Amino acid sequence: MSGDATEVVDIVDDADTEQSLRVEVLQLRRAMQTRPVIDLARGVLMASFGLDPEEAWSVLVTVSQNANIKLFHLAEGTVAAVTGEPLPEALRQQLSAAVAELAARRSAAQETEP
């Protein structure tokens, strides 16, 4: 490659790297803003249904995907439900179904243990 071509490639690589870093910073900022509410929602599920942290996370992710709702918005609704603001019926049903499925899997796993 000629010197000019190498400089152009370096400039493009630098621009791509800078853009990637900007995107990463934005994603990290968003995560810092949303994570506390998601953790609170996990705590609500843990306290309400006797789940461990991983199970609570699994329930939130499952419902988020099945209901096609962002995890953060589901978490906000779950936390708000503690203070008396009801979750929409469809989300309540999906949360109940996800917890019931988890309980059934847990029970089946205990039955197969020696």
N, C-alpha and C. Protein backbone atom coordinates (compact mmCIF):
# COMPACT_ATOMS: atom_id res chain seq x y z
N MET A 1 0.84 -1.17 0.00
CA MET A 1 0.00 0.00 0.00
C MET A 1 0.88 1.24 0.00
N SER A 2 0.39 2.27 -0.66
CA SER A 2 1.15 3.52 -0.67
C SER A 2 0.95 4.23 0.66
N GLY A 3 1.78 5.22 0.90
CA GLY A 3 1.70 5.98 2.15
C GLY A 3 0.37 6.68 2.32
N ASP A 4 -0.16 7.25 1.21
CA ASP A 4 -1.46 7.93 1.28
C ASP A 4 -2.58 6.96 1.62
N ALA A 5 -2.54 5.79 1.02
CA ALA A 5 -3.58 4.78 1.29
C ALA A 5 -3.52 4.32 2.73
N THR A 6 -2.31 4.15 3.26
CA THR A 6 -2.15 3.74 4.65
C THR A 6 -2.72 4.79 5.59
N GLU A 7 -2.47 6.07 5.28
CA GLU A 7 -3.00 7.15 6.12
C GLU A 7 -4.53 7.15 6.11
N VAL A 8 -5.13 6.91 4.96
CA VAL A 8 -6.59 6.88 4.85
C VAL A 8 -7.14 5.72 5.68
N VAL A 9 -6.50 4.56 5.59
CA VAL A 9 -6.95 3.40 6.38
C VAL A 9 -6.83 3.71 7.86
N ASP A 10 -5.72 4.33 8.28
CA ASP A 10 -5.54 4.68 9.69
C ASP A 10 -6.62 5.67 10.16
N ILE A 11 -6.94 6.64 9.32
CA ILE A 11 -7.97 7.63 9.68
C ILE A 11 -9.32 6.94 9.82
N VAL A 12 -9.65 6.05 8.90
CA VAL A 12 -10.92 5.33 8.96
C VAL A 12 -10.96 4.45 10.21
N ASP A 13 -9.85 3.75 10.49
CA ASP A 13 -9.78 2.91 11.69
C ASP A 13 -9.96 3.75 12.95
N ASP A 14 -9.32 4.92 13.00
CA ASP A 14 -9.46 5.81 14.15
C ASP A 14 -10.90 6.28 14.31
N ALA A 15 -11.57 6.60 13.21
CA ALA A 15 -12.97 7.05 13.27
C ALA A 15 -13.87 5.91 13.74
N ASP A 16 -13.61 4.70 13.25
CA ASP A 16 -14.40 3.54 13.69
C ASP A 16 -14.19 3.28 15.17
N THR A 17 -12.95 3.37 15.62
CA THR A 17 -12.65 3.15 17.03
C THR A 17 -13.32 4.21 17.89
N GLU A 18 -13.25 5.47 17.45
CA GLU A 18 -13.89 6.55 18.21
C GLU A 18 -15.40 6.35 18.28
N GLN A 19 -16.01 5.98 17.16
CA GLN A 19 -17.45 5.73 17.14
C GLN A 19 -17.81 4.58 18.06
N SER A 20 -17.03 3.51 18.03
CA SER A 20 -17.28 2.36 18.90
C SER A 20 -17.19 2.76 20.37
N LEU A 21 -16.22 3.59 20.69
CA LEU A 21 -16.06 4.04 22.07
C LEU A 21 -17.23 4.92 22.50
N ARG A 22 -17.70 5.78 21.61
CA ARG A 22 -18.86 6.62 21.93
C ARG A 22 -20.09 5.77 22.21
N VAL A 23 -20.31 4.76 21.37
CA VAL A 23 -21.45 3.86 21.56
C VAL A 23 -21.32 3.13 22.88
N GLU A 24 -20.13 2.65 23.18
CA GLU A 24 -19.91 1.93 24.44
C GLU A 24 -20.16 2.82 25.65
N VAL A 25 -19.72 4.06 25.59
CA VAL A 25 -19.94 5.00 26.70
C VAL A 25 -21.44 5.23 26.88
N LEU A 26 -22.16 5.41 25.80
CA LEU A 26 -23.61 5.61 25.90
C LEU A 26 -24.30 4.39 26.50
N GLN A 27 -23.87 3.21 26.09
CA GLN A 27 -24.46 1.98 26.63
C GLN A 27 -24.16 1.85 28.12
N LEU A 28 -22.96 2.19 28.52
CA LEU A 28 -22.60 2.11 29.93
C LEU A 28 -23.38 3.12 30.76
N ARG A 29 -23.56 4.32 30.23
CA ARG A 29 -24.36 5.33 30.94
C ARG A 29 -25.80 4.85 31.12
N ARG A 30 -26.34 4.27 30.07
CA ARG A 30 -27.72 3.77 30.14
C ARG A 30 -27.82 2.65 31.17
N ALA A 31 -26.84 1.76 31.17
CA ALA A 31 -26.84 0.66 32.14
C ALA A 31 -26.77 1.19 33.56
N MET A 32 -25.97 2.23 33.78
CA MET A 32 -25.86 2.80 35.13
C MET A 32 -27.17 3.42 35.58
N GLN A 33 -27.95 3.93 34.64
CA GLN A 33 -29.24 4.54 34.97
C GLN A 33 -30.32 3.49 35.22
N THR A 34 -30.29 2.40 34.48
CA THR A 34 -31.36 1.42 34.55
C THR A 34 -31.10 0.30 35.54
N ARG A 35 -29.86 0.02 35.84
CA ARG A 35 -29.52 -1.14 36.67
C ARG A 35 -30.13 -1.09 38.07
N PRO A 36 -30.15 0.05 38.75
CA PRO A 36 -30.74 0.05 40.10
C PRO A 36 -32.21 -0.38 40.12
N VAL A 37 -32.99 0.06 39.15
CA VAL A 37 -34.41 -0.33 39.11
C VAL A 37 -34.54 -1.82 38.81
N ILE A 38 -33.70 -2.32 37.93
CA ILE A 38 -33.74 -3.75 37.60
C ILE A 38 -33.37 -4.57 38.83
N ASP A 39 -32.37 -4.12 39.57
CA ASP A 39 -31.98 -4.84 40.79
C ASP A 39 -33.09 -4.79 41.84
N LEU A 40 -33.78 -3.66 41.94
CA LEU A 40 -34.92 -3.58 42.87
C LEU A 40 -36.02 -4.56 42.47
N ALA A 41 -36.29 -4.65 41.18
CA ALA A 41 -37.32 -5.58 40.70
C ALA A 41 -36.91 -7.02 41.00
N ARG A 42 -35.64 -7.32 40.85
CA ARG A 42 -35.17 -8.66 41.21
C ARG A 42 -35.43 -8.92 42.69
N GLY A 43 -35.16 -7.93 43.52
CA GLY A 43 -35.39 -8.07 44.95
C GLY A 43 -36.86 -8.29 45.27
N VAL A 44 -37.73 -7.58 44.56
CA VAL A 44 -39.17 -7.76 44.75
C VAL A 44 -39.56 -9.20 44.44
N LEU A 45 -39.08 -9.72 43.32
CA LEU A 45 -39.40 -11.10 42.94
C LEU A 45 -38.80 -12.09 43.93
N MET A 46 -37.60 -11.82 44.40
CA MET A 46 -36.96 -12.71 45.37
C MET A 46 -37.77 -12.76 46.66
N ALA A 47 -38.19 -11.60 47.14
CA ALA A 47 -38.95 -11.54 48.38
C ALA A 47 -40.36 -12.10 48.21
N SER A 48 -40.97 -11.83 47.08
CA SER A 48 -42.35 -12.26 46.86
C SER A 48 -42.50 -13.75 46.59
N PHE A 49 -41.52 -14.31 45.89
CA PHE A 49 -41.66 -15.69 45.44
C PHE A 49 -40.57 -16.63 45.94
N GLY A 50 -39.69 -16.14 46.79
CA GLY A 50 -38.63 -16.99 47.33
C GLY A 50 -37.62 -17.43 46.28
N LEU A 51 -37.36 -16.55 45.31
CA LEU A 51 -36.41 -16.87 44.25
C LEU A 51 -35.00 -16.47 44.66
N ASP A 52 -34.02 -17.12 44.06
CA ASP A 52 -32.65 -16.65 44.26
C ASP A 52 -32.37 -15.58 43.19
N PRO A 53 -31.26 -14.87 43.29
CA PRO A 53 -31.00 -13.77 42.34
C PRO A 53 -31.02 -14.20 40.87
N GLU A 54 -30.45 -15.35 40.57
CA GLU A 54 -30.42 -15.81 39.18
C GLU A 54 -31.82 -16.16 38.68
N GLU A 55 -32.63 -16.76 39.54
CA GLU A 55 -34.00 -17.10 39.16
C GLU A 55 -34.82 -15.83 38.91
N ALA A 56 -34.65 -14.83 39.76
CA ALA A 56 -35.37 -13.57 39.58
C ALA A 56 -34.97 -12.92 38.27
N TRP A 57 -33.67 -12.96 37.96
CA TRP A 57 -33.19 -12.41 36.70
C TRP A 57 -33.82 -13.16 35.53
N SER A 58 -33.84 -14.48 35.63
CA SER A 58 -34.41 -15.32 34.57
C SER A 58 -35.88 -14.99 34.34
N VAL A 59 -36.63 -14.80 35.41
CA VAL A 59 -38.05 -14.46 35.29
C VAL A 59 -38.21 -13.12 34.58
N LEU A 60 -37.43 -12.12 34.97
CA LEU A 60 -37.53 -10.81 34.33
C LEU A 60 -37.19 -10.89 32.84
N VAL A 61 -36.13 -11.59 32.52
CA VAL A 61 -35.73 -11.70 31.11
C VAL A 61 -36.79 -12.45 30.30
N THR A 62 -37.30 -13.54 30.86
CA THR A 62 -38.31 -14.33 30.16
C THR A 62 -39.56 -13.49 29.88
N VAL A 63 -40.05 -12.81 30.90
CA VAL A 63 -41.26 -11.99 30.73
C VAL A 63 -41.00 -10.84 29.77
N SER A 64 -39.84 -10.23 29.88
CA SER A 64 -39.48 -9.14 28.97
C SER A 64 -39.52 -9.60 27.52
N GLN A 65 -38.95 -10.75 27.27
CA GLN A 65 -38.93 -11.28 25.91
C GLN A 65 -40.32 -11.70 25.45
N ASN A 66 -41.04 -12.41 26.29
CA ASN A 66 -42.37 -12.91 25.91
C ASN A 66 -43.39 -11.78 25.71
N ALA A 67 -43.28 -10.75 26.52
CA ALA A 67 -44.22 -9.63 26.44
C ALA A 67 -43.74 -8.54 25.48
N ASN A 68 -42.54 -8.72 24.95
CA ASN A 68 -41.95 -7.73 24.05
C ASN A 68 -41.94 -6.35 24.69
N ILE A 69 -41.42 -6.31 25.91
CA ILE A 69 -41.29 -5.07 26.67
C ILE A 69 -39.84 -4.97 27.14
N LYS A 70 -39.31 -3.78 27.12
CA LYS A 70 -37.93 -3.62 27.59
C LYS A 70 -37.84 -4.01 29.05
N LEU A 71 -36.74 -4.65 29.39
CA LEU A 71 -36.51 -5.13 30.75
C LEU A 71 -36.65 -4.00 31.75
N PHE A 72 -36.12 -2.84 31.43
CA PHE A 72 -36.19 -1.69 32.33
C PHE A 72 -37.63 -1.29 32.61
N HIS A 73 -38.47 -1.29 31.59
CA HIS A 73 -39.87 -0.90 31.78
C HIS A 73 -40.63 -1.94 32.60
N LEU A 74 -40.32 -3.20 32.38
CA LEU A 74 -40.91 -4.26 33.20
C LEU A 74 -40.47 -4.09 34.66
N ALA A 75 -39.19 -3.80 34.85
CA ALA A 75 -38.68 -3.59 36.21
C ALA A 75 -39.35 -2.40 36.88
N GLU A 76 -39.52 -1.31 36.14
CA GLU A 76 -40.21 -0.14 36.69
C GLU A 76 -41.62 -0.50 37.14
N GLY A 77 -42.33 -1.22 36.31
CA GLY A 77 -43.70 -1.62 36.66
C GLY A 77 -43.75 -2.54 37.85
N THR A 78 -42.78 -3.45 37.93
CA THR A 78 -42.71 -4.38 39.06
C THR A 78 -42.46 -3.64 40.36
N VAL A 79 -41.54 -2.70 40.34
CA VAL A 79 -41.23 -1.91 41.53
C VAL A 79 -42.43 -1.02 41.90
N ALA A 80 -43.06 -0.43 40.91
CA ALA A 80 -44.22 0.43 41.17
C ALA A 80 -45.38 -0.37 41.77
N ALA A 81 -45.47 -1.65 41.41
CA ALA A 81 -46.55 -2.49 41.94
C ALA A 81 -46.44 -2.64 43.45
N VAL A 82 -45.24 -2.54 43.98
CA VAL A 82 -45.03 -2.64 45.42
C VAL A 82 -45.70 -1.48 46.15
N THR A 83 -45.74 -0.33 45.49
CA THR A 83 -46.34 0.85 46.12
C THR A 83 -47.81 1.03 45.76
N GLY A 84 -48.39 0.02 45.12
CA GLY A 84 -49.82 0.05 44.88
C GLY A 84 -50.24 0.32 43.46
N GLU A 85 -49.32 0.62 42.57
CA GLU A 85 -49.68 0.83 41.17
C GLU A 85 -49.73 -0.53 40.48
N PRO A 86 -50.91 -0.98 40.07
CA PRO A 86 -51.01 -2.34 39.55
C PRO A 86 -50.30 -2.52 38.21
N LEU A 87 -49.71 -3.70 38.08
CA LEU A 87 -49.15 -4.08 36.78
C LEU A 87 -50.30 -4.38 35.83
N PRO A 88 -50.11 -4.13 34.55
CA PRO A 88 -51.15 -4.55 33.61
C PRO A 88 -51.40 -6.05 33.74
N GLU A 89 -52.64 -6.45 33.55
CA GLU A 89 -53.04 -7.84 33.74
C GLU A 89 -52.18 -8.80 32.92
N ALA A 90 -51.88 -8.45 31.69
CA ALA A 90 -51.08 -9.34 30.83
C ALA A 90 -49.69 -9.57 31.42
N LEU A 91 -49.09 -8.53 31.98
CA LEU A 91 -47.77 -8.68 32.59
C LEU A 91 -47.85 -9.49 33.88
N ARG A 92 -48.89 -9.27 34.66
CA ARG A 92 -49.06 -10.07 35.88
C ARG A 92 -49.19 -11.55 35.54
N GLN A 93 -49.96 -11.84 34.52
CA GLN A 93 -50.13 -13.24 34.11
C GLN A 93 -48.80 -13.83 33.62
N GLN A 94 -48.06 -13.06 32.87
CA GLN A 94 -46.77 -13.56 32.37
C GLN A 94 -45.78 -13.76 33.51
N LEU A 95 -45.76 -12.84 34.47
CA LEU A 95 -44.88 -13.02 35.64
C LEU A 95 -45.28 -14.28 36.41
N SER A 96 -46.56 -14.44 36.63
CA SER A 96 -47.04 -15.63 37.35
C SER A 96 -46.67 -16.90 36.60
N ALA A 97 -46.85 -16.89 35.30
CA ALA A 97 -46.52 -18.08 34.50
C ALA A 97 -45.04 -18.39 34.54
N ALA A 98 -44.20 -17.35 34.47
CA ALA A 98 -42.75 -17.57 34.50
C ALA A 98 -42.31 -18.10 35.86
N VAL A 99 -42.88 -17.58 36.92
CA VAL A 99 -42.55 -18.08 38.27
C VAL A 99 -43.04 -19.50 38.44
N ALA A 100 -44.25 -19.80 37.95
CA ALA A 100 -44.79 -21.16 38.06
C ALA A 100 -43.93 -22.15 37.27
N GLU A 101 -43.49 -21.76 36.10
CA GLU A 101 -42.62 -22.63 35.28
C GLU A 101 -41.30 -22.89 36.00
N LEU A 102 -40.77 -21.86 36.60
CA LEU A 102 -39.52 -22.00 37.35
C LEU A 102 -39.71 -22.93 38.54
N ALA A 103 -40.83 -22.79 39.24
CA ALA A 103 -41.12 -23.66 40.39
C ALA A 103 -41.28 -25.11 39.94
N ALA A 104 -41.92 -25.31 38.79
CA ALA A 104 -42.10 -26.67 38.27
C ALA A 104 -40.76 -27.30 37.91
N ARG A 105 -39.89 -26.51 37.28
CA ARG A 105 -38.56 -27.04 36.94
C ARG A 105 -37.75 -27.35 38.19
N ARG A 106 -37.87 -26.47 39.20
CA ARG A 106 -37.16 -26.69 40.46
C ARG A 106 -37.65 -27.97 41.13
N SER A 107 -38.96 -28.17 41.13
CA SER A 107 -39.56 -29.36 41.74
C SER A 107 -39.13 -30.63 40.99
N ALA A 108 -39.14 -30.56 39.66
CA ALA A 108 -38.73 -31.73 38.87
C ALA A 108 -37.26 -32.05 39.12
N ALA A 109 -36.44 -31.04 39.26
CA ALA A 109 -35.02 -31.28 39.51
C ALA A 109 -34.81 -31.90 40.89
N GLN A 110 -35.60 -31.51 41.88
CA GLN A 110 -35.48 -32.08 43.21
C GLN A 110 -35.92 -33.53 43.24
N GLU A 111 -36.92 -33.86 42.42
CA GLU A 111 -37.41 -35.24 42.37
C GLU A 111 -36.40 -36.18 41.75
N THR A 112 -35.58 -35.68 40.86
CA THR A 112 -34.59 -36.54 40.19
C THR A 112 -33.29 -36.64 40.96
N GLU A 113 -33.14 -35.83 42.00
CA GLU A 113 -31.92 -35.93 42.83
C GLU A 113 -31.96 -37.20 43.66
N PRO A 114 -30.78 -37.84 43.83
CA PRO A 114 -30.76 -39.08 44.62
C PRO A 114 -31.01 -38.85 46.10
